[in-house]
């Protein structure tokens, strides 16, 4: 169980893994996530279910090496196994069957988080536009996969090395100012990016959902680490989310909470790099 059956490098320090986990694959739905532990005494981290294959019993995850745990995970190869792989967790993505047109906006590691949702809606005959963005061309991935399931795919890069120079919000502004309208906008990526998207769509009164990834420990609502303010009410992203109405999310408090342990995380990562010879 939890054997890595597929491993593929998508971008610098970004990896796709297919994990053999029939029980999770059997019940997984778009929008849900897993909590995994790479080694017995390691930390638990949440990762979005990028896709799943129920027949083969495979769950696909995509992660970026940003800390100690993801660095250890990246050293594993096909036929290796992960200690724990728990899921599916969280509430699945739900949509209004009467809605016909959708815009998905994803930045960085948010790109794989939209894939299963887009596939589902496209199979229902919905009109789908997608905006993806990254720092530069090398940070853009899943382009060909997404093109199969949308009407238009727009790309932006901060440095202009691919697609439109600027941010995903610049493309969003262009589309809305040109007269394009959608029944729903779905945004996932860095918190500041999602906040910027909401600030724009609010002006046009377009329903906007966001997928949050706050600090999370157990993933079942017991620890309260992932609490967020939504509509002035405390919600737990692991059991009430991770998808919420973007207009109701208190992004300022979310930004503060997500920064609490950055120094500790950085210190742990630096110590790990020194141990495995990745330091200076």
Protein backbone atom coordinates (compact mmCIF):
# COMPACT_ATOMS: atom_id res chain seq x y z
CA UNK A 1 0.00 0.00 0.00
CA UNK A 2 0.99 3.63 -0.60
CA UNK A 3 3.55 2.56 -3.18
CA UNK A 4 4.83 5.21 -5.58
CA UNK A 5 4.00 3.85 -9.02
CA UNK A 6 4.65 7.02 -11.03
CA UNK A 7 7.15 9.82 -10.52
CA UNK A 8 7.66 12.67 -12.95
CA UNK A 9 9.44 16.02 -12.79
CA UNK A 10 7.13 18.79 -14.04
CA UNK A 11 9.15 21.94 -13.30
CA UNK A 12 12.10 22.95 -11.13
CA UNK A 13 11.50 21.30 -7.73
CA UNK A 14 7.94 20.34 -8.76
CA UNK A 15 7.06 16.65 -8.84
CA UNK A 16 4.07 14.53 -9.81
CA UNK A 17 3.60 11.23 -8.03
CA UNK A 18 1.05 8.51 -8.56
CA UNK A 19 0.38 6.66 -5.31
CA UNK A 20 -1.20 3.22 -5.30
CA UNK A 21 -4.00 3.64 -2.77
CA UNK A 22 -7.17 1.87 -3.96
CA UNK A 23 -9.28 2.87 -0.94
CA UNK A 24 -8.54 6.58 -1.40
CA UNK A 25 -8.93 6.42 -5.19
CA UNK A 26 -12.28 4.65 -4.83
CA UNK A 27 -13.83 7.48 -2.81
CA UNK A 28 -11.90 10.54 -4.04
CA UNK A 29 -13.79 13.46 -5.57
CA UNK A 30 -12.58 16.73 -7.15
CA UNK A 31 -11.66 19.30 -4.54
CA UNK A 32 -10.55 16.91 -1.82
CA UNK A 33 -7.08 16.33 -0.40
CA UNK A 34 -4.93 13.80 1.43
CA UNK A 35 -2.72 14.02 4.50
CA UNK A 36 0.52 12.10 4.15
CA UNK A 37 3.49 11.22 6.30
CA UNK A 38 6.63 10.25 4.42
CA UNK A 39 8.46 8.52 7.27
CA UNK A 40 7.37 7.18 10.66
CA UNK A 41 8.61 10.15 12.70
CA UNK A 42 7.91 12.77 10.05
CA UNK A 43 5.35 15.55 10.02
CA UNK A 44 1.92 15.30 8.41
CA UNK A 45 1.32 17.51 5.37
CA UNK A 46 -1.81 18.12 3.29
CA UNK A 47 -1.67 17.79 -0.51
CA UNK A 48 -4.44 18.32 -3.01
CA UNK A 49 -5.65 15.31 -4.98
CA UNK A 50 -4.70 16.42 -8.49
CA UNK A 51 -6.43 13.46 -10.13
CA UNK A 52 -7.39 9.85 -9.48
CA UNK A 53 -7.90 6.61 -11.38
CA UNK A 54 -10.41 4.38 -9.63
CA UNK A 55 -9.82 1.40 -11.92
CA UNK A 56 -6.07 1.37 -11.33
CA UNK A 57 -6.34 2.48 -7.70
CA UNK A 58 -3.97 5.42 -8.24
CA UNK A 59 -4.14 8.86 -6.63
CA UNK A 60 -2.07 11.63 -8.21
CA UNK A 61 -0.42 14.32 -6.11
CA UNK A 62 1.79 17.21 -7.15
CA UNK A 63 4.12 19.01 -4.77
CA UNK A 64 6.95 21.52 -4.72
CA UNK A 65 10.07 21.12 -2.61
CA UNK A 66 9.69 23.98 -0.15
CA UNK A 67 10.59 22.38 3.18
CA UNK A 68 12.06 19.36 4.92
CA UNK A 69 9.14 16.97 4.36
CA UNK A 70 8.72 17.72 0.66
CA UNK A 71 12.50 17.46 0.23
CA UNK A 72 12.42 13.96 1.74
CA UNK A 73 9.41 13.04 -0.38
CA UNK A 74 11.25 14.14 -3.54
CA UNK A 75 14.09 11.69 -2.81
CA UNK A 76 11.71 8.72 -3.04
CA UNK A 77 11.36 6.90 -6.34
CA UNK A 78 8.98 4.49 -8.04
CA UNK A 79 8.49 1.30 -5.99
CA UNK A 80 9.23 3.16 -2.76
CA UNK A 81 6.36 3.55 -0.29
CA UNK A 82 5.00 6.40 1.83
CA UNK A 83 4.42 5.72 5.52
CA UNK A 84 0.86 7.14 5.69
CA UNK A 85 -1.55 8.30 3.02
CA UNK A 86 -4.90 9.31 4.51
CA UNK A 87 -7.95 10.51 2.60
CA UNK A 88 -9.95 11.62 0.88
CA UNK A 89 -10.42 14.54 3.25
CA UNK A 90 -12.37 17.78 3.04
CA UNK A 91 -15.58 18.64 1.25
CA UNK A 92 -15.63 17.96 -2.51
CA UNK A 93 -16.18 20.67 -5.07
CA UNK A 94 -19.85 21.37 -5.77
CA UNK A 95 -21.33 23.47 -8.55
CA UNK A 96 -24.71 24.72 -9.64
CA UNK A 97 -25.89 22.46 -12.48
CA UNK A 98 -27.58 25.47 -14.09
CA UNK A 99 -24.29 27.36 -14.44
CA UNK A 100 -22.89 27.13 -17.95
CA UNK A 101 -19.65 29.13 -18.06
CA UNK A 102 -16.66 28.88 -15.75
CA UNK A 103 -13.30 30.59 -15.38
CA UNK A 104 -10.56 28.79 -13.46
CA UNK A 105 -7.56 30.81 -12.29
CA UNK A 106 -4.48 29.06 -10.91
CA UNK A 107 -1.06 30.27 -9.94
CA UNK A 108 2.00 28.14 -9.23
CA UNK A 109 1.10 24.99 -7.28
CA UNK A 110 -2.55 25.91 -7.68
CA UNK A 111 -2.40 24.64 -11.26
CA UNK A 112 -2.84 20.92 -10.46
CA UNK A 113 -5.60 21.74 -7.96
CA UNK A 114 -8.01 22.71 -10.77
CA UNK A 115 -7.38 19.70 -13.01
CA UNK A 116 -9.95 17.19 -11.72
CA UNK A 117 -12.61 19.91 -11.41
CA UNK A 118 -12.06 21.06 -14.98
CA UNK A 119 -12.25 17.48 -16.27
CA UNK A 120 -15.56 16.91 -14.49
CA UNK A 121 -17.18 20.12 -15.74
CA UNK A 122 -15.93 19.61 -19.29
CA UNK A 123 -17.51 16.13 -19.33
CA UNK A 124 -20.81 17.83 -18.48
CA UNK A 125 -20.54 20.11 -21.51
CA UNK A 126 -19.72 23.31 -19.61
CA UNK A 127 -17.90 26.26 -21.18
CA UNK A 128 -14.53 26.58 -19.51
CA UNK A 129 -11.78 29.20 -19.70
CA UNK A 130 -8.55 28.81 -17.73
CA UNK A 131 -5.83 31.24 -16.67
CA UNK A 132 -2.58 29.84 -15.31
CA UNK A 133 0.47 31.76 -14.22
CA UNK A 134 3.99 31.42 -12.86
CA UNK A 135 7.19 33.35 -12.32
CA UNK A 136 8.63 32.30 -15.70
CA UNK A 137 8.14 29.78 -18.51
CA UNK A 138 9.90 27.01 -16.59
CA UNK A 139 7.29 27.32 -13.84
CA UNK A 140 4.38 26.65 -16.21
CA UNK A 141 3.26 23.03 -16.30
CA UNK A 142 0.16 20.94 -17.09
CA UNK A 143 -0.49 23.17 -20.10
CA UNK A 144 -1.13 20.33 -22.56
CA UNK A 145 -3.27 18.40 -20.06
CA UNK A 146 -5.49 21.41 -19.34
CA UNK A 147 -5.92 22.31 -23.01
CA UNK A 148 -7.84 19.07 -23.52
CA UNK A 149 -10.58 20.18 -21.14
CA UNK A 150 -11.21 23.86 -21.83
CA UNK A 151 -12.30 26.27 -24.54
CA UNK A 152 -9.52 28.81 -23.94
CA UNK A 153 -6.28 28.60 -21.98
CA UNK A 154 -4.52 31.85 -21.10
CA UNK A 155 -0.99 31.99 -19.67
CA UNK A 156 0.87 34.72 -17.85
CA UNK A 157 4.41 34.89 -16.48
CA UNK A 158 5.87 37.52 -14.20
CA UNK A 159 8.91 38.03 -16.42
CA UNK A 160 7.09 37.78 -19.76
CA UNK A 161 9.08 34.72 -20.86
CA UNK A 162 5.84 32.94 -21.85
CA UNK A 163 2.34 34.20 -22.49
CA UNK A 164 1.30 37.62 -21.23
CA UNK A 165 3.79 39.51 -19.08
CA UNK A 166 2.33 40.15 -15.66
CA UNK A 167 -0.01 38.32 -13.32
CA UNK A 168 -3.07 36.12 -13.74
CA UNK A 169 -5.11 39.08 -12.50
CA UNK A 170 -3.93 41.13 -15.49
CA UNK A 171 -5.43 38.51 -17.80
CA UNK A 172 -8.59 38.45 -15.68
CA UNK A 173 -8.96 42.22 -16.01
CA UNK A 174 -8.48 42.02 -19.78
CA UNK A 175 -11.17 39.37 -20.13
CA UNK A 176 -13.74 41.17 -17.98
CA UNK A 177 -13.04 44.55 -19.52
CA UNK A 178 -13.54 43.01 -22.97
CA UNK A 179 -17.05 41.97 -21.94
CA UNK A 180 -16.49 38.33 -21.00
CA UNK A 181 -18.73 37.10 -18.19
CA UNK A 182 -18.86 33.85 -16.25
CA UNK A 183 -21.35 32.16 -13.97
CA UNK A 184 -18.51 31.18 -11.65
CA UNK A 185 -14.84 31.97 -11.10
CA UNK A 186 -12.66 29.51 -9.21
CA UNK A 187 -9.25 30.65 -7.94
CA UNK A 188 -6.48 28.68 -6.26
CA UNK A 189 -2.87 29.55 -5.58
CA UNK A 190 -0.95 31.95 -3.34
CA UNK A 191 -3.17 33.75 -0.83
CA UNK A 192 -2.36 37.19 -2.20
CA UNK A 193 -3.27 36.03 -5.70
CA UNK A 194 -6.64 34.70 -4.57
CA UNK A 195 -7.34 37.90 -2.67
CA UNK A 196 -6.49 39.96 -5.77
CA UNK A 197 -8.84 37.84 -7.89
CA UNK A 198 -11.67 38.31 -5.39
CA UNK A 199 -11.07 42.07 -5.29
CA UNK A 200 -11.64 42.17 -9.06
CA UNK A 201 -14.58 39.78 -9.39
CA UNK A 202 -16.39 41.47 -6.53
CA UNK A 203 -16.64 44.58 -8.69
CA UNK A 204 -18.52 42.55 -11.31
CA UNK A 205 -20.55 40.56 -8.77
CA UNK A 206 -19.33 37.24 -10.20
CA UNK A 207 -19.58 34.29 -7.84
CA UNK A 208 -16.03 33.38 -6.86
CA UNK A 209 -14.81 30.29 -5.02
CA UNK A 210 -11.33 29.89 -3.56
CA UNK A 211 -9.49 26.79 -2.33
CA UNK A 212 -7.54 27.48 0.87
CA UNK A 213 -4.47 25.72 2.20
CA UNK A 214 -3.88 27.06 5.72
CA UNK A 215 -1.70 25.51 8.40
CA UNK A 216 -3.05 22.00 8.94
CA UNK A 217 -2.09 19.13 11.25
CA UNK A 218 -4.60 16.30 11.59
CA UNK A 219 -7.01 17.10 8.76
CA UNK A 220 -10.11 15.95 10.64
CA UNK A 221 -11.13 19.09 12.54
CA UNK A 222 -9.70 18.08 15.92
CA UNK A 223 -6.67 20.37 16.22
CA UNK A 224 -8.15 23.63 14.94
CA UNK A 225 -4.90 24.59 13.27
CA UNK A 226 -6.57 25.26 9.93
CA UNK A 227 -9.23 27.64 11.23
CA UNK A 228 -10.13 30.53 8.98
CA UNK A 229 -12.62 33.35 9.26
CA UNK A 230 -15.37 33.03 6.65
CA UNK A 231 -18.32 35.39 6.87
CA UNK A 232 -17.15 36.38 10.38
CA UNK A 233 -17.49 32.76 11.46
CA UNK A 234 -14.67 30.38 12.34
CA UNK A 235 -14.44 27.54 9.84
CA UNK A 236 -12.03 24.62 9.67
CA UNK A 237 -10.56 24.28 6.19
CA UNK A 238 -10.06 20.54 6.64
CA UNK A 239 -13.72 19.66 7.27
CA UNK A 240 -15.73 22.74 6.20
CA UNK A 241 -13.52 23.39 3.17
CA UNK A 242 -11.06 23.68 1.65
CA UNK A 243 -13.35 25.50 -0.83
CA UNK A 244 -15.13 28.65 0.32
CA UNK A 245 -16.95 31.66 -1.10
CA UNK A 246 -14.12 34.07 -1.78
CA UNK A 247 -16.23 37.11 -0.93
CA UNK A 248 -16.57 35.86 2.66
CA UNK A 249 -12.94 34.91 3.38
CA UNK A 250 -10.92 37.13 5.74
CA UNK A 251 -7.69 37.03 3.76
CA UNK A 252 -5.81 39.37 6.12
CA UNK A 253 -6.14 37.02 9.11
CA UNK A 254 -5.32 34.03 6.87
CA UNK A 255 -2.09 35.69 5.72
CA UNK A 256 -1.05 36.32 9.33
CA UNK A 257 -1.80 32.77 10.49
CA UNK A 258 0.07 31.18 7.58
CA UNK A 259 3.21 33.14 8.48
CA UNK A 260 3.39 31.94 12.11
CA UNK A 261 5.85 29.08 11.59
CA UNK A 262 7.82 30.26 8.55
CA UNK A 263 11.04 30.80 10.53
CA UNK A 264 10.83 27.34 12.11
CA UNK A 265 10.07 25.73 8.76
CA UNK A 266 13.00 27.51 7.13
CA UNK A 267 15.37 26.45 9.92
CA UNK A 268 14.30 22.79 9.65
CA UNK A 269 14.74 22.85 5.87
CA UNK A 270 18.22 24.41 6.11
CA UNK A 271 19.34 21.80 8.65
CA UNK A 272 18.01 19.02 6.42
CA UNK A 273 19.84 20.39 3.36
CA UNK A 274 23.09 20.43 5.29
CA UNK A 275 22.62 16.81 6.38
CA UNK A 276 22.08 15.58 2.83
CA UNK A 277 24.77 17.78 1.28
CA UNK A 278 22.59 20.37 -0.40
CA UNK A 279 23.97 23.29 1.58
CA UNK A 280 26.68 25.73 0.50
